[in-house]
Protein backbone atom coordinates (compact mmCIF):
# COMPACT_ATOMS: atom_id res chain seq x y z
CA MET A 1 71.95 81.56 100.34
CA ARG A 2 68.45 80.11 100.12
CA GLN A 3 66.37 82.09 97.64
CA SER A 4 63.28 81.60 99.69
CA LEU A 5 64.90 83.83 102.33
CA LEU A 6 65.90 86.55 99.91
CA PHE A 7 63.50 89.48 100.62
CA SER A 8 64.12 91.25 97.34
CA LYS A 9 61.95 89.93 94.54
CA SER A 10 62.20 90.05 90.76
CA ARG A 11 59.47 91.76 88.71
CA HIS A 12 57.48 90.46 85.75
CA ASN A 13 57.88 93.74 83.86
CA PHE A 14 60.42 96.52 83.44
CA PRO A 15 59.94 99.72 85.51
CA ARG A 16 58.18 102.44 83.43
CA ASP A 17 60.01 105.36 84.85
CA GLU A 18 63.50 104.26 83.56
CA VAL A 19 65.13 104.95 80.24
CA ALA A 20 68.50 103.28 80.65
CA ASN A 21 68.72 99.54 80.04
CA ASN A 22 71.10 98.95 83.02
CA ALA A 23 68.60 100.48 85.55
CA LYS A 24 65.67 98.57 83.90
CA MET A 25 67.51 95.24 84.22
CA LEU A 26 68.79 95.86 87.75
CA ILE A 27 65.44 96.95 89.07
CA ARG A 28 63.48 94.24 87.43
CA ALA A 29 65.94 91.56 88.75
CA GLY A 30 65.73 92.98 92.32
CA PHE A 31 69.31 94.25 92.52
CA VAL A 32 68.54 97.87 93.14
CA ASN A 33 65.59 100.07 94.14
CA LYS A 34 65.15 103.48 92.65
CA GLU A 35 64.55 106.33 95.16
CA LEU A 36 64.95 109.43 92.95
CA ALA A 37 66.39 110.11 89.56
CA GLY A 38 70.10 109.18 89.84
CA ILE A 39 69.70 107.78 93.39
CA TYR A 40 69.42 104.07 94.11
CA SER A 41 69.37 101.72 97.09
CA TYR A 42 71.41 98.58 96.65
CA LEU A 43 69.48 95.49 97.66
CA PRO A 44 71.29 92.26 98.81
CA LEU A 45 72.17 91.00 95.27
CA GLY A 46 73.17 94.44 94.05
CA LEU A 47 75.31 95.13 97.15
CA LEU A 48 77.14 91.83 96.72
CA VAL A 49 78.13 92.89 93.18
CA LEU A 50 79.14 96.36 94.38
CA ASN A 51 81.29 94.92 97.17
CA ARG A 52 82.95 92.51 94.70
CA ILE A 53 83.88 95.32 92.28
CA SER A 54 85.18 97.35 95.30
CA ASP A 55 87.25 94.46 96.54
CA LEU A 56 88.80 93.90 93.13
CA VAL A 57 89.67 97.56 92.80
CA ARG A 58 90.97 97.64 96.39
CA ARG A 59 93.35 94.79 95.77
CA GLU A 60 94.87 96.63 92.80
CA MET A 61 95.24 99.81 94.80
CA ASN A 62 97.01 97.83 97.55
CA ASN A 63 99.30 96.37 94.86
CA LEU A 64 100.28 99.96 93.92
CA GLY A 65 101.31 100.61 97.55
CA ALA A 66 98.42 102.91 98.22
CA GLN A 67 96.93 103.17 101.72
CA GLU A 68 93.19 103.23 102.31
CA ILE A 69 91.49 105.98 104.32
CA LEU A 70 87.94 107.29 104.62
CA MET A 71 87.29 111.00 104.46
CA PRO A 72 84.05 112.70 105.49
CA THR A 73 81.19 113.33 103.09
CA ILE A 74 80.48 116.68 104.79
CA GLN A 75 82.97 119.29 103.58
CA ASN A 76 84.29 122.44 105.12
CA PRO A 77 83.69 125.41 102.74
CA GLN A 78 86.81 127.30 103.84
CA ILE A 79 89.37 125.02 102.25
CA TRP A 80 87.31 124.96 99.01
CA LYS A 81 87.21 128.75 98.92
CA GLU A 82 90.93 128.85 98.98
CA THR A 83 91.01 127.03 95.62
CA GLY A 84 88.06 128.90 94.19
CA ARG A 85 85.87 125.80 93.90
CA TRP A 86 83.16 126.61 96.47
CA ASP A 87 81.30 129.52 94.69
CA ASN A 88 82.20 128.88 91.11
CA LEU A 89 80.84 125.36 90.58
CA ASP A 90 77.23 124.23 90.31
CA VAL A 91 77.71 120.56 91.16
CA TRP A 92 77.44 121.13 94.95
CA PHE A 93 74.66 119.95 97.27
CA LYS A 94 74.94 122.52 99.97
CA SER A 95 73.29 122.99 103.34
CA LYS A 96 73.27 125.00 106.57
CA ILE A 97 74.38 123.86 110.05
CA ASN A 98 71.85 124.72 112.77
CA ALA A 99 74.56 126.22 114.90
CA GLY A 100 75.57 128.45 112.00
CA GLY A 101 77.67 128.10 108.91
CA ASP A 102 77.58 126.28 105.59
CA ILE A 103 78.48 122.73 104.54
CA GLY A 104 78.66 120.86 101.29
CA LEU A 105 78.33 117.19 100.38
CA GLY A 106 81.61 116.09 98.78
CA TRP A 107 81.58 115.65 95.01
CA THR A 108 85.40 115.10 95.02
CA HIS A 109 88.09 115.34 97.73
CA GLU A 110 91.20 117.10 96.53
CA GLU A 111 90.99 119.92 99.06
CA ASN A 112 90.08 117.59 101.92
CA VAL A 113 92.94 115.16 101.27
CA ILE A 114 95.50 118.04 101.03
CA ASN A 115 94.18 119.39 104.36
CA ILE A 116 95.01 115.92 105.83
CA MET A 117 98.44 115.73 104.20
CA LYS A 118 99.53 119.10 105.41
CA ASN A 119 99.73 117.44 108.91
CA ASN A 120 101.65 114.44 107.53
CA ILE A 121 104.06 115.79 104.86
CA SER A 122 106.91 118.07 105.79
CA SER A 123 110.16 116.51 104.48
CA TYR A 124 111.33 114.94 101.32
CA ARG A 125 111.54 111.73 103.36
CA ASP A 126 107.69 111.64 103.59
CA LEU A 127 107.41 111.33 99.83
CA PRO A 128 106.16 109.75 97.64
CA VAL A 129 102.93 108.60 99.24
CA ALA A 130 99.53 107.53 97.84
CA ILE A 131 96.17 107.25 99.64
CA PHE A 132 92.81 106.17 98.40
CA GLN A 133 89.17 105.78 99.55
CA ILE A 134 86.01 104.14 98.33
CA GLN A 135 83.24 106.41 99.30
CA ASN A 136 79.92 107.95 98.21
CA LYS A 137 80.06 111.19 96.17
CA PHE A 138 77.27 113.66 95.54
CA ARG A 139 76.87 115.75 92.33
CA ASN A 140 73.97 117.94 91.46
CA GLU A 141 73.60 116.62 87.93
CA GLU A 142 71.11 118.44 85.69
CA ARG A 143 70.34 115.15 83.93
CA ALA A 144 70.29 111.71 85.44
CA LYS A 145 68.73 109.51 82.78
CA SER A 146 71.43 106.94 82.37
CA GLY A 147 70.60 104.84 85.41
CA LEU A 148 73.67 103.92 87.43
CA MET A 149 75.97 105.38 84.78
CA ARG A 150 75.12 108.93 85.80
CA GLY A 151 74.11 109.32 89.43
CA ARG A 152 73.47 112.11 91.79
CA GLU A 153 74.81 109.85 94.60
CA PHE A 154 77.33 107.28 93.58
CA LEU A 155 80.21 105.17 94.94
CA MET A 156 83.71 106.05 93.71
CA LYS A 157 87.26 105.01 94.31
CA ASP A 158 89.50 108.07 94.40
CA LEU A 159 93.25 107.76 94.71
CA TYR A 160 95.57 110.71 95.42
CA SER A 161 99.37 110.59 95.06
CA PHE A 162 101.99 113.04 96.30
CA HIS A 163 105.45 113.40 94.79
CA LEU A 164 108.77 115.13 95.02
CA ASN A 165 108.84 116.12 91.37
CA GLU A 166 107.14 115.82 88.05
CA GLU A 167 109.28 112.91 87.02
CA ASP A 168 108.10 110.81 89.95
CA LEU A 169 104.52 111.79 89.24
CA ASP A 170 104.89 110.80 85.56
CA ASP A 171 106.23 107.41 86.62
CA TYR A 172 103.38 106.75 89.02
CA TYR A 173 100.81 107.93 86.51
CA GLU A 174 101.89 105.14 84.11
CA LYS A 175 101.79 102.61 86.90
CA VAL A 176 98.19 103.55 87.71
CA ALA A 177 97.28 103.41 84.03
CA HIS A 178 98.61 99.85 83.91
CA SER A 179 96.73 98.92 87.06
CA TYR A 180 93.50 100.27 85.62
CA ARG A 181 93.92 98.17 82.52
CA LEU A 182 94.39 95.14 84.75
CA ILE A 183 91.11 95.95 86.56
CA PHE A 184 89.10 96.31 83.41
CA ASP A 185 90.57 93.09 81.98
CA LYS A 186 89.61 91.15 85.11
CA LEU A 187 86.03 92.60 84.88
CA GLY A 188 85.79 91.25 81.31
CA LEU A 189 85.71 94.84 79.91
CA GLY A 190 89.32 95.00 78.66
CA ASP A 191 88.50 94.47 74.98
CA ILE A 192 86.01 97.30 74.90
CA THR A 193 87.65 99.76 77.22
CA TYR A 194 90.09 102.33 75.74
CA GLN A 195 92.59 104.65 77.32
CA THR A 196 91.19 107.88 75.92
CA VAL A 197 92.95 111.23 75.42
CA ALA A 198 91.02 114.11 77.09
CA SER A 199 91.72 117.72 77.89
CA GLY A 200 93.91 118.33 80.95
CA GLY A 201 91.97 121.46 81.76
CA LEU A 202 93.85 123.82 84.04
CA PHE A 203 96.30 121.18 85.16
CA ALA A 204 98.02 119.78 82.13
CA LYS A 205 97.72 119.63 78.30
CA TRP A 206 96.20 116.14 78.42
CA SER A 207 94.65 113.80 80.80
CA HIS A 208 93.37 110.31 80.23
CA GLU A 209 89.82 108.73 80.64
CA PHE A 210 89.05 105.01 80.51
CA GLN A 211 86.04 104.74 78.24
CA THR A 212 83.94 101.49 77.80
CA LEU A 213 82.00 101.01 74.67
CA CYS A 214 78.29 101.12 75.46
CA PRO A 215 75.35 101.89 73.14
CA SER A 216 73.65 104.05 75.70
CA GLY A 217 76.84 105.84 76.83
CA GLU A 218 76.76 109.60 76.89
CA ASP A 219 80.29 110.17 75.54
CA GLN A 220 81.60 109.90 71.98
CA ILE A 221 85.05 108.66 71.33
CA TYR A 222 87.23 108.15 68.22
CA ILE A 223 89.13 104.88 68.36
CA SER A 224 92.39 103.66 66.83
CA GLU A 225 92.11 99.90 67.17
CA LYS A 226 95.69 99.50 66.01
CA ARG A 227 97.01 101.73 68.78
CA ARG A 228 94.34 100.74 71.48
CA LEU A 229 93.93 104.48 71.86
CA ALA A 230 90.93 106.78 71.68
CA ILE A 231 90.32 110.53 71.60
CA ASN A 232 87.37 112.10 73.38
CA SER A 233 85.09 114.13 71.06
CA GLU A 234 85.63 117.24 73.28
CA VAL A 235 89.39 117.29 72.17
CA TYR A 236 88.86 115.86 68.68
CA ASN A 237 90.55 118.20 66.10
CA GLN A 238 93.29 118.17 63.56
CA ASN A 239 95.90 119.42 65.94
CA THR A 240 95.23 116.63 68.38
CA LEU A 241 95.31 114.02 65.62
CA THR A 242 98.61 115.34 64.44
CA GLU A 243 100.20 115.41 67.84
CA PHE A 244 99.29 111.74 68.47
CA GLY A 245 100.07 110.60 64.86
CA LEU A 246 96.54 109.61 64.04
CA LYS A 247 94.53 109.98 60.76
CA ALA A 248 90.79 110.78 60.87
CA GLU A 249 89.96 108.18 58.18
CA GLU A 250 91.44 105.36 60.39
CA LEU A 251 89.35 106.16 63.40
CA LEU A 252 85.99 104.69 64.44
CA SER A 253 83.38 106.78 66.16
CA ARG A 254 81.55 105.01 69.00
CA SER A 255 79.35 105.75 72.03
CA SER A 256 80.97 105.06 75.37
CA CYS A 257 80.77 105.51 79.09
CA GLU A 258 83.69 106.95 81.21
CA VAL A 259 84.51 104.37 83.91
CA GLY A 260 87.78 105.82 85.13
CA ASN A 261 90.20 108.79 84.78
CA ILE A 262 93.78 109.67 85.66
CA PHE A 263 94.96 113.17 86.10
CA LYS A 264 98.23 115.02 86.79
CA LEU A 265 97.09 117.78 89.16
CA LYS A 266 100.72 118.90 89.59
CA THR A 267 100.56 121.98 91.96
CA ARG A 268 97.08 123.14 91.08
CA PHE A 269 95.74 122.46 94.58
CA SER A 270 98.83 121.81 96.70
CA GLU A 271 100.21 125.39 96.10
CA PRO A 272 97.13 127.46 97.02
CA LEU A 273 96.58 125.24 100.07
CA GLY A 274 100.15 125.41 101.22
CA LEU A 275 101.33 121.73 100.82
CA TYR A 276 105.09 122.00 100.84
CA TYR A 277 108.03 119.83 101.73
CA SER A 278 111.60 120.59 102.77
CA ASP A 279 114.12 119.20 100.33
CA GLN A 280 117.63 117.88 101.25
CA GLY A 281 119.04 121.34 101.18
CA GLY A 282 116.31 122.71 103.47
CA GLU A 283 114.51 124.57 100.67
CA ASN A 284 110.65 124.54 100.67
CA LYS A 285 109.08 123.07 97.49
CA VAL A 286 105.55 122.51 96.41
CA VAL A 287 104.34 118.89 96.43
CA GLN A 288 103.41 117.45 93.03
CA MET A 289 100.06 115.68 93.05
CA GLY A 290 98.08 113.21 90.88
CA CYS A 291 94.42 112.00 91.23
CA PHE A 292 93.00 108.83 89.81
CA GLY A 293 89.29 107.83 89.89
CA ILE A 294 87.18 104.76 89.13
CA GLY A 295 83.39 104.77 89.31
CA ILE A 296 82.45 101.69 91.34
CA SER A 297 78.70 102.00 91.06
CA ARG A 298 78.99 103.18 87.51
CA LEU A 299 80.92 100.07 86.68
CA LEU A 300 78.04 98.02 88.13
CA GLY A 301 75.67 99.88 85.64
CA VAL A 302 78.12 99.39 82.77
CA ILE A 303 78.49 95.68 83.40
CA ALA A 304 74.77 95.24 83.58
CA GLU A 305 74.36 97.22 80.33
CA VAL A 306 77.06 95.39 78.44
CA PHE A 307 76.54 91.79 79.74
CA SER A 308 72.89 91.40 79.40
CA ASP A 309 70.52 89.94 76.72
CA GLU A 310 66.83 89.59 76.13
CA LYS A 311 66.60 87.06 79.03
CA GLY A 312 68.26 89.20 81.69
CA LEU A 313 71.66 89.82 83.25
CA SER A 314 74.87 87.86 82.81
CA TRP A 315 77.42 88.59 85.42
CA PRO A 316 81.19 88.01 84.97
CA GLU A 317 82.45 85.34 87.38
CA VAL A 318 84.63 87.69 89.29
CA VAL A 319 81.82 90.04 90.45
CA ALA A 320 78.73 87.77 90.31
CA PRO A 321 76.69 87.77 93.54
CA PHE A 322 76.89 83.91 93.50
CA LEU A 323 78.94 81.70 91.17
CA VAL A 324 76.17 79.09 90.89
CA HIS A 325 72.40 79.19 90.84
CA LEU A 326 71.14 75.86 92.00
CA LEU A 327 67.60 74.94 91.00
CA ILE A 328 65.45 72.06 92.25
CA LEU A 329 62.88 71.27 89.62
CA GLY A 330 60.28 69.17 91.40
CA GLU A 331 59.42 68.18 94.93
CA ASP A 332 60.88 64.62 95.09
CA LYS A 333 62.62 63.94 98.39
CA GLU A 334 65.57 62.35 96.78
CA MET A 335 66.18 65.39 94.51
CA THR A 336 65.94 67.66 97.56
CA PHE A 337 68.35 65.48 99.47
CA LEU A 338 70.80 65.55 96.54
CA ALA A 339 70.59 69.38 96.20
CA GLU A 340 71.02 69.90 99.86
CA GLY A 341 74.07 67.66 99.92
CA PHE A 342 75.67 69.63 97.13
CA TYR A 343 74.73 72.94 98.74
CA GLN A 344 76.39 72.02 102.00
CA LYS A 345 79.57 70.63 100.38
CA ALA A 346 79.79 73.83 98.19
CA GLN A 347 79.56 76.06 101.15
CA LYS A 348 82.38 74.14 102.88
CA ALA A 349 84.47 74.48 99.70
CA GLY A 350 83.89 78.30 99.64
CA ILE A 351 81.79 78.06 96.44
CA SER A 352 79.04 80.70 96.57
CA VAL A 353 75.65 79.18 95.70
CA LEU A 354 72.07 80.64 95.52
CA LEU A 355 69.74 77.75 96.16
CA ASP A 356 66.33 78.18 94.57
CA ASP A 357 64.28 76.32 97.17
CA ARG A 358 60.99 78.16 96.42
CA LYS A 359 57.67 76.41 95.70
CA GLU A 360 57.58 77.65 92.10
CA SER A 361 57.14 75.98 88.75
CA ALA A 362 60.10 74.74 86.75
CA GLY A 363 59.42 77.44 84.10
CA GLN A 364 59.37 80.22 86.69
CA LYS A 365 62.61 79.05 88.28
CA LEU A 366 64.40 78.77 84.87
CA SER A 367 63.30 82.25 83.72
CA THR A 368 64.23 83.76 87.02
CA ALA A 369 67.68 82.19 86.85
CA ASP A 370 68.21 83.72 83.41
CA LEU A 371 66.99 87.12 84.71
CA LEU A 372 69.33 87.11 87.78
CA GLY A 373 72.27 86.10 85.56
CA MET A 374 74.60 84.01 87.81
CA PRO A 375 77.53 82.62 85.73
CA TYR A 376 76.48 78.95 86.16
CA ARG A 377 73.08 77.21 86.57
CA ALA A 378 72.94 73.86 88.22
CA ILE A 379 69.84 71.75 88.11
CA VAL A 380 68.54 68.80 90.05
CA SER A 381 65.57 67.06 88.40
CA LYS A 382 64.24 63.68 87.50
CA ASN A 383 66.09 63.91 84.17
CA THR A 384 69.47 64.16 85.89
CA ALA A 385 69.01 60.76 87.55
CA GLY A 386 70.77 61.28 90.86
CA ARG A 387 73.38 63.68 89.42
CA ILE A 388 73.45 67.47 88.67
CA SER A 389 73.46 69.24 85.25
CA LEU A 390 75.47 72.40 84.83
CA LYS A 391 75.36 75.04 82.13
CA SER A 392 76.97 78.43 81.71
CA ARG A 393 74.71 81.51 81.46
CA LYS A 394 76.49 82.24 78.21
CA SER A 395 75.89 78.80 76.62
CA ASP A 396 73.13 76.25 75.98
CA LYS A 397 75.53 73.30 76.44
CA GLU A 398 74.82 71.25 79.54
CA GLU A 399 77.06 68.75 81.28
CA ILE A 400 76.19 66.11 83.89
CA PHE A 401 78.29 65.76 87.10
CA SER A 402 78.28 63.78 90.27
CA VAL A 403 78.21 65.98 93.45
CA ASP A 404 81.89 65.48 94.13
CA SER A 405 83.06 66.01 90.53
CA LEU A 406 80.97 69.21 90.33
CA ILE A 407 82.49 70.52 93.53
CA ASN A 408 86.01 69.90 92.05
CA TYR A 409 85.02 71.53 88.73
CA LEU A 410 83.68 74.64 90.41
CA SER A 411 86.62 74.80 92.81
CA ASP A 412 88.96 74.98 89.90
CA ILE A 413 86.91 77.93 88.52
CA LYS A 414 86.92 79.68 91.81
CA SER A 415 90.71 79.27 92.28
CA LYS A 416 91.27 81.14 89.04
CA LEU A 417 89.27 84.14 90.19
CA CYS A 418 91.26 86.96 91.89
């Protein structure tokens, strides 16, 4: 893409009405626009990142054999009343239908998905099955001061699985946990993301969250580096430590942000909503159920928070809006011809390039490139003498390439991305 055509602009200063570093960075760089506290519009660069995160997560869900659907945002109160979650929770955004009746904006979708599966599960032959969606959620948060890491409207991947028995649910639970670890590894967050023991609430004794270390995170976890395991502060006590064979003096206390969770719902929702199957003997049994979430837009905020410095953002290659930011420093015709030639060849090779063709000073272009944070910055100038210099956003080391050799170099990088 040509940067001169990009309508969203970076700002000289940070927004004054933001506290969280991720929102400050993303707004200043022109990735998002703040509408209300906890509510953001995703501008072209931000939407590219959001879509790349979604695509990565979608591939892993497909690898698990899950099938993608899309459920409505608007929810029918009746099915939620049957599980006691319409009147007893304060997270709802509710409204009235002009023709009469109430509706709510979905903050989660267990009831809705069971309503669908009641028409599609009747026999043991229909199980197991797993379905997922990537969709906006709405939660009436009392506080929304962490930027994209705590939103009132946010994008989430929610996966729901349905099983014959608890053994099959347990097996799938571990498969999803493994898939989540792969996702966070690919995002570059694996070393700082911990599978964290949390309360299972009404459903089970324990559940697991995936918590990423983040200075501005709202959660507190206690980490065993040796075990790559953590305990959420809400379940941190001597009984929990004893059960998991941990010692308080060996644990590190750190701030973190929850980026995913996995839950064994068992029959908590399937039984009151009447989701049964007929076993081989013709006996009706309740379907066992699991749910597994990943915060897509929250991950965007976490990545912006973790991978940034005093100069700006620094995107991992796998989710960056563009792999390369190409700068023309000067108005010499030969330089422009060289840059255009590389740009065209890169497009044909499937290498994503943001070409800074604006009439700006070299200093302005360089500072903007650091702010936007593409993984690689390529420069055409008089100093490159008919070739192109390349440096990583994370390094000061520059290398000089011919057009063809740079295309080959970047193609190798691209081929290693999922």
